[in-house]
Amino acid sequence: MPKCHMKIATALIAAAASLAAAHAAPSAEPAREVLNRAMPSGFKPGFQTTQGGMVMEEWVPADETVDTWTQMITLQTFSGLAVAPNQMLQGWGDRMIGACPGLTHSNIVNGNANAYPTSMLFVSCPDNPQTHKPENIAARVIRGRDRLYMVQFAFRRPLDADDDARMRQFMASAILCDRTAPDHPCPAATR
């Protein structure tokens, strides 16, 4: 894993672990929720880890690695983390500001997707101090019943119109559903 992502992942894991310990809500039921997403063609799993109540997957284009990526999708699931999506993004955004001088960001946009609370944020780092390359990241956090889900799509280059469209399409596809709850329906293929 690249050093810049290791620092960010370590900070997220530490924050999530402390919050999860303070707000743990044990659940004996198996997971009914599913994070649906339309993974862009040509992406492969590059890295996966489980630490405490956090599971993280990083996906990269088939000809890239998690060290040499130009595009990366990160999926994280936090069990027992009782914070709102906008609180999670605020903390994540604050850590990104600390890691990247000159970072710009959108306002956090709050809403609902498939009747789940969601928040989104876009950040742009003009020159990541670790790589000396720009990074543009869209992040979405979804509050599930017992888990918090974070989806990120990052580009390590300035965004062009195609990149922006691809990022928006993927982020819109990242929807949480519940196989057993009619108020959070899953597509037929996911049930």
N, C-alpha and C. Protein backbone atom coordinates (compact mmCIF):
# COMPACT_ATOMS: atom_id res chain seq x y z
N MET A 1 0.86 -1.17 0.00
CA MET A 1 0.00 0.00 0.00
C MET A 1 0.90 1.23 0.00
N PRO A 2 0.59 2.26 -0.80
CA PRO A 2 1.43 3.44 -0.85
C PRO A 2 1.43 4.14 0.51
N LYS A 3 2.55 4.87 0.78
CA LYS A 3 2.71 5.53 2.06
C LYS A 3 1.58 6.50 2.36
N CYS A 4 1.14 7.28 1.34
CA CYS A 4 0.08 8.26 1.59
C CYS A 4 -1.22 7.57 1.96
N HIS A 5 -1.53 6.45 1.31
CA HIS A 5 -2.74 5.73 1.66
C HIS A 5 -2.57 5.01 3.00
N MET A 6 -1.35 4.56 3.29
CA MET A 6 -1.11 3.91 4.57
C MET A 6 -1.36 4.90 5.70
N LYS A 7 -0.89 6.15 5.56
CA LYS A 7 -1.11 7.15 6.60
C LYS A 7 -2.60 7.44 6.76
N ILE A 8 -3.30 7.61 5.64
CA ILE A 8 -4.73 7.90 5.69
C ILE A 8 -5.48 6.69 6.24
N ALA A 9 -5.14 5.50 5.77
CA ALA A 9 -5.82 4.30 6.26
C ALA A 9 -5.55 4.10 7.75
N THR A 10 -4.31 4.33 8.19
CA THR A 10 -3.99 4.18 9.60
C THR A 10 -4.78 5.16 10.44
N ALA A 11 -4.89 6.40 9.98
CA ALA A 11 -5.66 7.40 10.72
C ALA A 11 -7.13 7.01 10.77
N LEU A 12 -7.68 6.54 9.65
CA LEU A 12 -9.08 6.12 9.62
C LEU A 12 -9.31 4.91 10.52
N ILE A 13 -8.40 3.95 10.48
CA ILE A 13 -8.55 2.76 11.30
C ILE A 13 -8.49 3.13 12.78
N ALA A 14 -7.55 3.98 13.16
CA ALA A 14 -7.44 4.38 14.56
C ALA A 14 -8.68 5.13 15.01
N ALA A 15 -9.15 6.06 14.19
CA ALA A 15 -10.36 6.82 14.56
C ALA A 15 -11.57 5.91 14.63
N ALA A 16 -11.70 5.03 13.66
CA ALA A 16 -12.85 4.12 13.65
C ALA A 16 -12.80 3.15 14.82
N ALA A 17 -11.62 2.63 15.14
CA ALA A 17 -11.52 1.69 16.25
C ALA A 17 -11.89 2.35 17.57
N SER A 18 -11.42 3.58 17.78
CA SER A 18 -11.76 4.25 19.04
C SER A 18 -13.24 4.58 19.09
N LEU A 19 -13.80 5.03 17.98
CA LEU A 19 -15.24 5.31 17.95
C LEU A 19 -16.05 4.03 18.09
N ALA A 20 -15.63 2.98 17.43
CA ALA A 20 -16.37 1.71 17.51
C ALA A 20 -16.35 1.16 18.93
N ALA A 21 -15.22 1.28 19.60
CA ALA A 21 -15.14 0.79 20.97
C ALA A 21 -16.06 1.58 21.88
N ALA A 22 -16.16 2.88 21.64
CA ALA A 22 -16.99 3.73 22.48
C ALA A 22 -18.48 3.58 22.16
N HIS A 23 -18.81 3.18 20.94
CA HIS A 23 -20.20 3.14 20.50
C HIS A 23 -20.63 1.77 20.00
N ALA A 24 -19.95 0.72 20.40
CA ALA A 24 -20.25 -0.60 19.86
C ALA A 24 -21.70 -1.00 20.14
N ALA A 25 -22.33 -1.51 19.10
CA ALA A 25 -23.69 -2.02 19.22
C ALA A 25 -23.66 -3.45 18.72
N PRO A 26 -23.51 -4.43 19.62
CA PRO A 26 -23.37 -5.81 19.17
C PRO A 26 -24.59 -6.27 18.41
N SER A 27 -24.36 -7.09 17.40
CA SER A 27 -25.44 -7.62 16.59
C SER A 27 -25.21 -9.11 16.39
N ALA A 28 -26.19 -9.91 16.80
CA ALA A 28 -26.06 -11.35 16.63
C ALA A 28 -26.59 -11.79 15.27
N GLU A 29 -27.31 -10.91 14.58
CA GLU A 29 -27.89 -11.26 13.29
C GLU A 29 -26.84 -11.23 12.18
N PRO A 30 -26.96 -12.13 11.21
CA PRO A 30 -26.05 -12.05 10.05
C PRO A 30 -26.37 -10.81 9.24
N ALA A 31 -25.39 -10.35 8.48
CA ALA A 31 -25.57 -9.15 7.67
C ALA A 31 -26.65 -9.37 6.62
N ARG A 32 -27.63 -8.48 6.61
CA ARG A 32 -28.68 -8.51 5.60
C ARG A 32 -28.42 -7.44 4.55
N GLU A 33 -27.62 -6.47 4.94
CA GLU A 33 -27.35 -5.35 4.04
C GLU A 33 -26.28 -5.71 3.03
N VAL A 34 -26.43 -5.16 1.83
CA VAL A 34 -25.49 -5.39 0.75
C VAL A 34 -25.14 -4.04 0.13
N LEU A 35 -23.85 -3.80 -0.07
CA LEU A 35 -23.42 -2.58 -0.76
C LEU A 35 -23.32 -2.90 -2.25
N ASN A 36 -24.32 -2.48 -3.00
CA ASN A 36 -24.31 -2.68 -4.45
C ASN A 36 -23.44 -1.60 -5.08
N ARG A 37 -22.73 -1.97 -6.12
CA ARG A 37 -21.97 -1.00 -6.90
C ARG A 37 -21.65 -1.62 -8.24
N ALA A 38 -21.58 -0.76 -9.23
CA ALA A 38 -21.23 -1.21 -10.58
C ALA A 38 -19.75 -0.92 -10.79
N MET A 39 -18.91 -1.89 -10.43
CA MET A 39 -17.46 -1.71 -10.55
C MET A 39 -17.10 -1.46 -12.02
N PRO A 40 -16.32 -0.41 -12.28
CA PRO A 40 -15.93 -0.15 -13.68
C PRO A 40 -15.21 -1.37 -14.27
N SER A 41 -15.43 -1.60 -15.55
CA SER A 41 -14.77 -2.75 -16.19
C SER A 41 -13.26 -2.55 -16.16
N GLY A 42 -12.56 -3.66 -16.02
CA GLY A 42 -11.10 -3.62 -16.02
C GLY A 42 -10.48 -3.39 -14.66
N PHE A 43 -11.29 -3.29 -13.59
CA PHE A 43 -10.73 -3.12 -12.25
C PHE A 43 -10.54 -4.49 -11.60
N LYS A 44 -9.51 -4.60 -10.78
CA LYS A 44 -9.21 -5.84 -10.07
C LYS A 44 -8.97 -5.51 -8.59
N PRO A 45 -9.18 -6.49 -7.70
CA PRO A 45 -8.83 -6.27 -6.30
C PRO A 45 -7.32 -6.10 -6.18
N GLY A 46 -6.89 -5.09 -5.42
CA GLY A 46 -5.47 -4.86 -5.24
C GLY A 46 -4.99 -5.08 -3.83
N PHE A 47 -5.90 -4.86 -2.87
CA PHE A 47 -5.51 -4.97 -1.46
C PHE A 47 -6.78 -5.14 -0.63
N GLN A 48 -6.68 -5.95 0.42
CA GLN A 48 -7.79 -6.10 1.35
C GLN A 48 -7.23 -6.32 2.74
N THR A 49 -7.89 -5.72 3.74
CA THR A 49 -7.48 -5.91 5.12
C THR A 49 -8.72 -5.86 6.01
N THR A 50 -8.61 -6.52 7.14
CA THR A 50 -9.63 -6.45 8.18
C THR A 50 -8.90 -6.12 9.47
N GLN A 51 -9.31 -5.05 10.12
CA GLN A 51 -8.69 -4.65 11.39
C GLN A 51 -9.80 -4.24 12.34
N GLY A 52 -9.96 -5.02 13.39
CA GLY A 52 -11.03 -4.73 14.34
C GLY A 52 -12.37 -4.81 13.61
N GLY A 53 -13.15 -3.76 13.72
CA GLY A 53 -14.45 -3.72 13.08
C GLY A 53 -14.44 -3.09 11.70
N MET A 54 -13.27 -2.95 11.07
CA MET A 54 -13.17 -2.32 9.76
C MET A 54 -12.66 -3.30 8.72
N VAL A 55 -13.37 -3.34 7.59
CA VAL A 55 -12.93 -4.13 6.43
C VAL A 55 -12.67 -3.13 5.31
N MET A 56 -11.53 -3.23 4.64
CA MET A 56 -11.20 -2.32 3.55
C MET A 56 -10.73 -3.11 2.33
N GLU A 57 -11.27 -2.71 1.17
CA GLU A 57 -10.83 -3.26 -0.12
C GLU A 57 -10.39 -2.10 -1.00
N GLU A 58 -9.30 -2.30 -1.73
CA GLU A 58 -8.85 -1.33 -2.72
C GLU A 58 -8.84 -2.02 -4.08
N TRP A 59 -9.44 -1.37 -5.06
CA TRP A 59 -9.54 -1.88 -6.42
C TRP A 59 -8.81 -0.92 -7.35
N VAL A 60 -8.05 -1.47 -8.30
CA VAL A 60 -7.29 -0.66 -9.25
C VAL A 60 -7.46 -1.23 -10.66
N PRO A 61 -7.16 -0.45 -11.69
CA PRO A 61 -7.19 -1.00 -13.05
C PRO A 61 -6.26 -2.21 -13.17
N ALA A 62 -6.61 -3.13 -14.05
CA ALA A 62 -5.91 -4.41 -14.17
C ALA A 62 -4.41 -4.28 -14.39
N ASP A 63 -3.97 -3.21 -15.06
CA ASP A 63 -2.55 -3.06 -15.35
C ASP A 63 -1.82 -2.19 -14.33
N GLU A 64 -2.46 -1.93 -13.18
CA GLU A 64 -1.86 -1.09 -12.14
C GLU A 64 -1.82 -1.85 -10.82
N THR A 65 -1.09 -1.28 -9.86
CA THR A 65 -1.03 -1.85 -8.51
C THR A 65 -1.47 -0.77 -7.52
N VAL A 66 -1.61 -1.16 -6.26
CA VAL A 66 -1.97 -0.17 -5.24
C VAL A 66 -0.82 0.80 -4.96
N ASP A 67 0.36 0.51 -5.47
CA ASP A 67 1.49 1.44 -5.34
C ASP A 67 1.63 2.36 -6.55
N THR A 68 1.15 1.91 -7.71
CA THR A 68 1.36 2.68 -8.95
C THR A 68 0.05 3.08 -9.62
N TRP A 69 -1.00 3.23 -8.88
CA TRP A 69 -2.33 3.47 -9.43
C TRP A 69 -2.50 4.88 -9.99
N THR A 70 -3.38 4.98 -10.99
CA THR A 70 -3.86 6.28 -11.46
C THR A 70 -5.33 6.44 -11.12
N GLN A 71 -6.01 5.30 -10.86
CA GLN A 71 -7.39 5.29 -10.40
C GLN A 71 -7.49 4.23 -9.31
N MET A 72 -8.25 4.55 -8.26
CA MET A 72 -8.43 3.57 -7.19
C MET A 72 -9.83 3.72 -6.60
N ILE A 73 -10.46 2.60 -6.37
CA ILE A 73 -11.75 2.56 -5.67
C ILE A 73 -11.49 1.89 -4.33
N THR A 74 -11.91 2.56 -3.26
CA THR A 74 -11.75 2.03 -1.91
C THR A 74 -13.13 1.82 -1.30
N LEU A 75 -13.36 0.63 -0.77
CA LEU A 75 -14.61 0.29 -0.10
C LEU A 75 -14.27 -0.06 1.34
N GLN A 76 -14.96 0.59 2.28
CA GLN A 76 -14.74 0.32 3.69
C GLN A 76 -16.07 0.07 4.38
N THR A 77 -16.06 -0.88 5.30
CA THR A 77 -17.22 -1.18 6.13
C THR A 77 -16.76 -1.12 7.58
N PHE A 78 -17.48 -0.35 8.38
CA PHE A 78 -17.16 -0.18 9.79
C PHE A 78 -18.30 -0.75 10.63
N SER A 79 -18.03 -1.79 11.40
CA SER A 79 -19.04 -2.39 12.27
C SER A 79 -19.04 -1.68 13.61
N GLY A 80 -20.24 -1.44 14.13
CA GLY A 80 -20.36 -0.87 15.46
C GLY A 80 -19.98 0.59 15.57
N LEU A 81 -19.83 1.28 14.48
CA LEU A 81 -19.43 2.68 14.49
C LEU A 81 -20.69 3.53 14.43
N ALA A 82 -21.07 4.11 15.55
CA ALA A 82 -22.34 4.83 15.67
C ALA A 82 -22.15 6.33 15.46
N VAL A 83 -21.77 6.71 14.25
CA VAL A 83 -21.66 8.13 13.89
C VAL A 83 -22.47 8.35 12.62
N ALA A 84 -22.88 9.58 12.42
CA ALA A 84 -23.62 9.95 11.21
C ALA A 84 -22.66 10.04 10.03
N PRO A 85 -23.16 9.83 8.80
CA PRO A 85 -22.30 9.91 7.63
C PRO A 85 -21.56 11.25 7.52
N ASN A 86 -22.23 12.35 7.80
CA ASN A 86 -21.56 13.65 7.68
C ASN A 86 -20.45 13.81 8.72
N GLN A 87 -20.60 13.21 9.91
CA GLN A 87 -19.54 13.26 10.92
C GLN A 87 -18.32 12.49 10.44
N MET A 88 -18.54 11.34 9.83
CA MET A 88 -17.44 10.54 9.30
C MET A 88 -16.69 11.31 8.22
N LEU A 89 -17.45 11.91 7.31
CA LEU A 89 -16.81 12.67 6.22
C LEU A 89 -16.11 13.92 6.74
N GLN A 90 -16.67 14.57 7.75
CA GLN A 90 -16.02 15.76 8.31
C GLN A 90 -14.65 15.39 8.87
N GLY A 91 -14.59 14.30 9.63
CA GLY A 91 -13.31 13.86 10.19
C GLY A 91 -12.33 13.44 9.11
N TRP A 92 -12.83 12.72 8.11
CA TRP A 92 -11.98 12.29 6.99
C TRP A 92 -11.46 13.51 6.24
N GLY A 93 -12.36 14.47 5.97
CA GLY A 93 -11.96 15.69 5.25
C GLY A 93 -10.93 16.50 6.04
N ASP A 94 -11.11 16.58 7.34
CA ASP A 94 -10.13 17.30 8.17
C ASP A 94 -8.76 16.65 8.10
N ARG A 95 -8.71 15.31 8.11
CA ARG A 95 -7.42 14.62 8.00
C ARG A 95 -6.81 14.83 6.61
N MET A 96 -7.64 14.87 5.59
CA MET A 96 -7.13 15.13 4.24
C MET A 96 -6.54 16.54 4.14
N ILE A 97 -7.22 17.52 4.75
CA ILE A 97 -6.71 18.90 4.75
C ILE A 97 -5.34 18.94 5.42
N GLY A 98 -5.19 18.21 6.53
CA GLY A 98 -3.91 18.17 7.22
C GLY A 98 -2.82 17.49 6.41
N ALA A 99 -3.20 16.56 5.54
CA ALA A 99 -2.21 15.80 4.76
C ALA A 99 -1.84 16.47 3.45
N CYS A 100 -2.65 17.44 2.99
CA CYS A 100 -2.41 18.04 1.68
C CYS A 100 -2.55 19.55 1.72
N PRO A 101 -1.44 20.29 1.77
CA PRO A 101 -1.53 21.74 1.69
C PRO A 101 -2.17 22.15 0.35
N GLY A 102 -3.08 23.10 0.39
CA GLY A 102 -3.73 23.57 -0.83
C GLY A 102 -4.95 22.77 -1.23
N LEU A 103 -5.36 21.81 -0.42
CA LEU A 103 -6.52 20.99 -0.74
C LEU A 103 -7.77 21.86 -0.83
N THR A 104 -8.58 21.59 -1.82
CA THR A 104 -9.89 22.23 -1.93
C THR A 104 -10.94 21.14 -1.82
N HIS A 105 -12.16 21.55 -1.43
CA HIS A 105 -13.20 20.56 -1.23
C HIS A 105 -14.57 21.17 -1.46
N SER A 106 -15.51 20.31 -1.75
CA SER A 106 -16.90 20.72 -1.86
C SER A 106 -17.48 20.80 -0.45
N ASN A 107 -18.68 21.29 -0.34
CA ASN A 107 -19.41 21.16 0.91
C ASN A 107 -19.89 19.72 1.02
N ILE A 108 -20.08 19.25 2.23
CA ILE A 108 -20.66 17.92 2.42
C ILE A 108 -22.12 18.01 2.04
N VAL A 109 -22.54 17.10 1.17
CA VAL A 109 -23.93 17.05 0.72
C VAL A 109 -24.60 15.88 1.43
N ASN A 110 -25.67 16.15 2.16
CA ASN A 110 -26.39 15.13 2.90
C ASN A 110 -27.69 14.79 2.18
N GLY A 111 -28.09 13.55 2.26
CA GLY A 111 -29.34 13.13 1.65
C GLY A 111 -29.68 11.71 2.04
N ASN A 112 -30.49 11.09 1.22
CA ASN A 112 -30.87 9.70 1.41
C ASN A 112 -30.75 8.99 0.07
N ALA A 113 -30.33 7.73 0.14
CA ALA A 113 -30.29 6.87 -1.04
C ALA A 113 -30.87 5.53 -0.64
N ASN A 114 -31.92 5.13 -1.30
CA ASN A 114 -32.62 3.89 -0.98
C ASN A 114 -33.05 3.89 0.49
N ALA A 115 -33.45 5.07 0.97
CA ALA A 115 -33.95 5.30 2.34
C ALA A 115 -32.87 5.13 3.42
N TYR A 116 -31.62 5.22 3.05
CA TYR A 116 -30.50 5.23 4.00
C TYR A 116 -29.89 6.63 4.02
N PRO A 117 -29.51 7.16 5.19
CA PRO A 117 -28.82 8.45 5.25
C PRO A 117 -27.46 8.34 4.56
N THR A 118 -27.15 9.32 3.72
CA THR A 118 -25.87 9.34 3.01
C THR A 118 -25.29 10.75 3.04
N SER A 119 -24.00 10.83 2.90
CA SER A 119 -23.30 12.10 2.75
C SER A 119 -22.21 11.91 1.70
N MET A 120 -21.95 12.98 0.94
CA MET A 120 -20.90 12.94 -0.09
C MET A 120 -20.00 14.15 0.04
N LEU A 121 -18.76 13.97 -0.37
CA LEU A 121 -17.75 15.02 -0.34
C LEU A 121 -16.79 14.78 -1.49
N PHE A 122 -16.33 15.87 -2.11
CA PHE A 122 -15.31 15.79 -3.15
C PHE A 122 -14.11 16.61 -2.69
N VAL A 123 -12.92 16.03 -2.76
CA VAL A 123 -11.70 16.75 -2.39
C VAL A 123 -10.72 16.71 -3.56
N SER A 124 -9.94 17.77 -3.67
CA SER A 124 -8.93 17.86 -4.72
C SER A 124 -7.63 18.34 -4.09
N CYS A 125 -6.62 17.48 -4.16
CA CYS A 125 -5.29 17.80 -3.65
C CYS A 125 -4.40 18.11 -4.86
N PRO A 126 -3.96 19.36 -5.01
CA PRO A 126 -3.20 19.72 -6.21
C PRO A 126 -1.82 19.08 -6.30
N ASP A 127 -1.23 18.76 -5.13
CA ASP A 127 0.11 18.18 -5.12
C ASP A 127 0.27 17.38 -3.84
N ASN A 128 -0.03 16.07 -3.92
CA ASN A 128 0.11 15.23 -2.74
C ASN A 128 1.58 15.21 -2.34
N PRO A 129 1.90 15.59 -1.10
CA PRO A 129 3.30 15.64 -0.67
C PRO A 129 4.03 14.30 -0.75
N GLN A 130 3.29 13.19 -0.69
CA GLN A 130 3.91 11.87 -0.76
C GLN A 130 4.27 11.46 -2.19
N THR A 131 3.43 11.86 -3.16
CA THR A 131 3.63 11.40 -4.54
C THR A 131 4.01 12.53 -5.49
N HIS A 132 3.79 13.76 -5.07
CA HIS A 132 3.98 14.95 -5.93
C HIS A 132 3.11 14.88 -7.18
N LYS A 133 1.94 14.28 -7.01
CA LYS A 133 0.94 14.21 -8.07
C LYS A 133 -0.39 14.71 -7.52
N PRO A 134 -1.25 15.19 -8.38
CA PRO A 134 -2.58 15.60 -7.90
C PRO A 134 -3.43 14.37 -7.57
N GLU A 135 -4.36 14.55 -6.63
CA GLU A 135 -5.34 13.50 -6.33
C GLU A 135 -6.71 14.14 -6.20
N ASN A 136 -7.67 13.54 -6.86
CA ASN A 136 -9.07 13.98 -6.81
C ASN A 136 -9.89 12.80 -6.33
N ILE A 137 -10.65 13.02 -5.25
CA ILE A 137 -11.36 11.92 -4.61
C ILE A 137 -12.81 12.30 -4.35
N ALA A 138 -13.72 11.44 -4.77
CA ALA A 138 -15.12 11.54 -4.39
C ALA A 138 -15.34 10.50 -3.30
N ALA A 139 -16.00 10.90 -2.21
CA ALA A 139 -16.26 9.99 -1.10
C ALA A 139 -17.73 10.02 -0.73
N ARG A 140 -18.28 8.85 -0.50
CA ARG A 140 -19.68 8.73 -0.08
C ARG A 140 -19.73 7.83 1.14
N VAL A 141 -20.47 8.27 2.16
CA VAL A 141 -20.66 7.47 3.37
C VAL A 141 -22.15 7.19 3.51
N ILE A 142 -22.46 5.94 3.80
CA ILE A 142 -23.84 5.49 3.94
C ILE A 142 -24.01 4.88 5.34
N ARG A 143 -25.02 5.33 6.03
CA ARG A 143 -25.32 4.80 7.37
C ARG A 143 -26.28 3.63 7.22
N GLY A 144 -25.77 2.43 7.48
CA GLY A 144 -26.62 1.25 7.46
C GLY A 144 -27.23 1.01 8.82
N ARG A 145 -27.87 -0.12 8.96
CA ARG A 145 -28.53 -0.44 10.23
C ARG A 145 -27.51 -0.62 11.34
N ASP A 146 -26.48 -1.43 11.09
CA ASP A 146 -25.46 -1.72 12.10
C ASP A 146 -24.06 -1.34 11.66
N ARG A 147 -23.93 -0.88 10.44
CA ARG A 147 -22.60 -0.59 9.89
C ARG A 147 -22.60 0.76 9.17
N LEU A 148 -21.40 1.27 9.03
CA LEU A 148 -21.18 2.48 8.26
C LEU A 148 -20.35 2.07 7.04
N TYR A 149 -20.72 2.54 5.86
CA TYR A 149 -20.06 2.17 4.62
C TYR A 149 -19.45 3.41 4.00
N MET A 150 -18.18 3.32 3.58
CA MET A 150 -17.53 4.43 2.91
C MET A 150 -17.02 3.95 1.56
N VAL A 151 -17.34 4.71 0.52
CA VAL A 151 -16.94 4.39 -0.85
C VAL A 151 -16.16 5.59 -1.38
N GLN A 152 -14.99 5.33 -1.95
CA GLN A 152 -14.18 6.40 -2.53
C GLN A 152 -13.75 6.02 -3.95
N PHE A 153 -13.74 7.02 -4.81
CA PHE A 153 -13.17 6.84 -6.15
C PHE A 153 -12.14 7.94 -6.31
N ALA A 154 -10.88 7.55 -6.48
CA ALA A 154 -9.78 8.52 -6.55
C ALA A 154 -9.08 8.45 -7.90
N PHE A 155 -8.68 9.61 -8.37
CA PHE A 155 -7.87 9.73 -9.57
C PHE A 155 -6.58 10.44 -9.18
N ARG A 156 -5.45 9.90 -9.60
CA ARG A 156 -4.16 10.52 -9.32
C ARG A 156 -3.71 11.29 -10.56
N ARG A 157 -4.54 12.25 -10.91
CA ARG A 157 -4.27 13.13 -12.05
C ARG A 157 -5.38 14.17 -12.07
N PRO A 158 -5.20 15.24 -12.83
CA PRO A 158 -6.32 16.19 -12.98
C PRO A 158 -7.48 15.48 -13.68
N LEU A 159 -8.70 15.80 -13.28
CA LEU A 159 -9.88 15.16 -13.88
C LEU A 159 -10.21 15.79 -15.22
N ASP A 160 -10.50 14.95 -16.20
CA ASP A 160 -11.08 15.45 -17.45
C ASP A 160 -12.57 15.11 -17.43
N ALA A 161 -13.29 15.47 -18.46
CA ALA A 161 -14.74 15.25 -18.49
C ALA A 161 -15.09 13.76 -18.41
N ASP A 162 -14.30 12.90 -19.06
CA ASP A 162 -14.56 11.46 -19.00
C ASP A 162 -14.36 10.90 -17.59
N ASP A 163 -13.27 11.35 -16.93
CA ASP A 163 -13.02 10.93 -15.55
C ASP A 163 -14.17 11.35 -14.64
N ASP A 164 -14.60 12.60 -14.79
CA ASP A 164 -15.68 13.12 -13.95
C ASP A 164 -16.96 12.31 -14.16
N ALA A 165 -17.28 12.00 -15.41
CA ALA A 165 -18.48 11.22 -15.71
C ALA A 165 -18.36 9.80 -15.13
N ARG A 166 -17.19 9.21 -15.27
CA ARG A 166 -16.97 7.85 -14.75
C ARG A 166 -17.08 7.83 -13.23
N MET A 167 -16.52 8.85 -12.58
CA MET A 167 -16.58 8.95 -11.13
C MET A 167 -18.03 9.10 -10.67
N ARG A 168 -18.77 10.00 -11.31
CA ARG A 168 -20.17 10.23 -10.93
C ARG A 168 -21.02 8.98 -11.15
N GLN A 169 -20.80 8.29 -12.25
CA GLN A 169 -21.56 7.08 -12.54
C GLN A 169 -21.31 6.01 -11.48
N PHE A 170 -20.04 5.82 -11.13
CA PHE A 170 -19.73 4.82 -10.11
C PHE A 170 -20.31 5.21 -8.76
N MET A 171 -20.14 6.46 -8.35
CA MET A 171 -20.64 6.88 -7.04
C MET A 171 -22.16 6.75 -6.97
N ALA A 172 -22.85 7.04 -8.06
CA ALA A 172 -24.31 6.89 -8.08
C ALA A 172 -24.71 5.42 -7.98
N SER A 173 -23.85 4.51 -8.43
CA SER A 173 -24.18 3.08 -8.39
C SER A 173 -23.98 2.48 -7.00
N ALA A 174 -23.26 3.17 -6.13
CA ALA A 174 -22.96 2.64 -4.80
C ALA A 174 -24.16 2.87 -3.89
N ILE A 175 -25.02 1.87 -3.83
CA ILE A 175 -26.28 1.94 -3.09
C ILE A 175 -26.34 0.79 -2.10
N LEU A 176 -26.73 1.10 -0.88
CA LEU A 176 -26.92 0.08 0.13
C LEU A 176 -28.35 -0.44 0.05
N CYS A 177 -28.51 -1.74 0.20
CA CYS A 177 -29.86 -2.32 0.22
C CYS A 177 -29.91 -3.38 1.32
N ASP A 178 -31.12 -3.82 1.63
CA ASP A 178 -31.33 -4.84 2.65
C ASP A 178 -32.19 -5.94 2.02
N ARG A 179 -31.66 -7.15 2.00
CA ARG A 179 -32.33 -8.27 1.34
C ARG A 179 -33.71 -8.58 1.92
N THR A 180 -33.95 -8.15 3.17
CA THR A 180 -35.20 -8.52 3.84
C THR A 180 -36.11 -7.34 4.15
N ALA A 181 -35.70 -6.12 3.80
CA ALA A 181 -36.48 -4.94 4.17
C ALA A 181 -37.06 -4.26 2.94
N PRO A 182 -38.38 -4.19 2.82
CA PRO A 182 -38.99 -3.57 1.65
C PRO A 182 -38.70 -2.07 1.52
N ASP A 183 -38.34 -1.41 2.62
CA ASP A 183 -38.02 0.01 2.53
C ASP A 183 -36.59 0.26 2.06
N HIS A 184 -35.78 -0.79 1.92
CA HIS A 184 -34.42 -0.70 1.39
C HIS A 184 -34.24 -1.80 0.33
N PRO A 185 -35.03 -1.80 -0.74
CA PRO A 185 -35.02 -2.94 -1.67
C PRO A 185 -33.68 -3.13 -2.40
N CYS A 186 -33.38 -4.38 -2.63
CA CYS A 186 -32.20 -4.75 -3.42
C CYS A 186 -32.63 -5.07 -4.84
N PRO A 187 -31.75 -4.83 -5.80
CA PRO A 187 -32.05 -5.30 -7.17
C PRO A 187 -32.24 -6.81 -7.14
N ALA A 188 -33.02 -7.32 -8.05
CA ALA A 188 -33.35 -8.76 -8.08
C ALA A 188 -32.12 -9.63 -8.05
N ALA A 189 -31.04 -9.24 -8.74
CA ALA A 189 -29.84 -10.08 -8.80
C ALA A 189 -29.12 -10.16 -7.45
N THR A 190 -29.39 -9.25 -6.51
CA THR A 190 -28.68 -9.22 -5.24
C THR A 190 -29.39 -10.02 -4.16
N ARG A 191 -30.67 -10.26 -4.34
CA ARG A 191 -31.45 -10.94 -3.30
C ARG A 191 -30.99 -12.34 -3.19
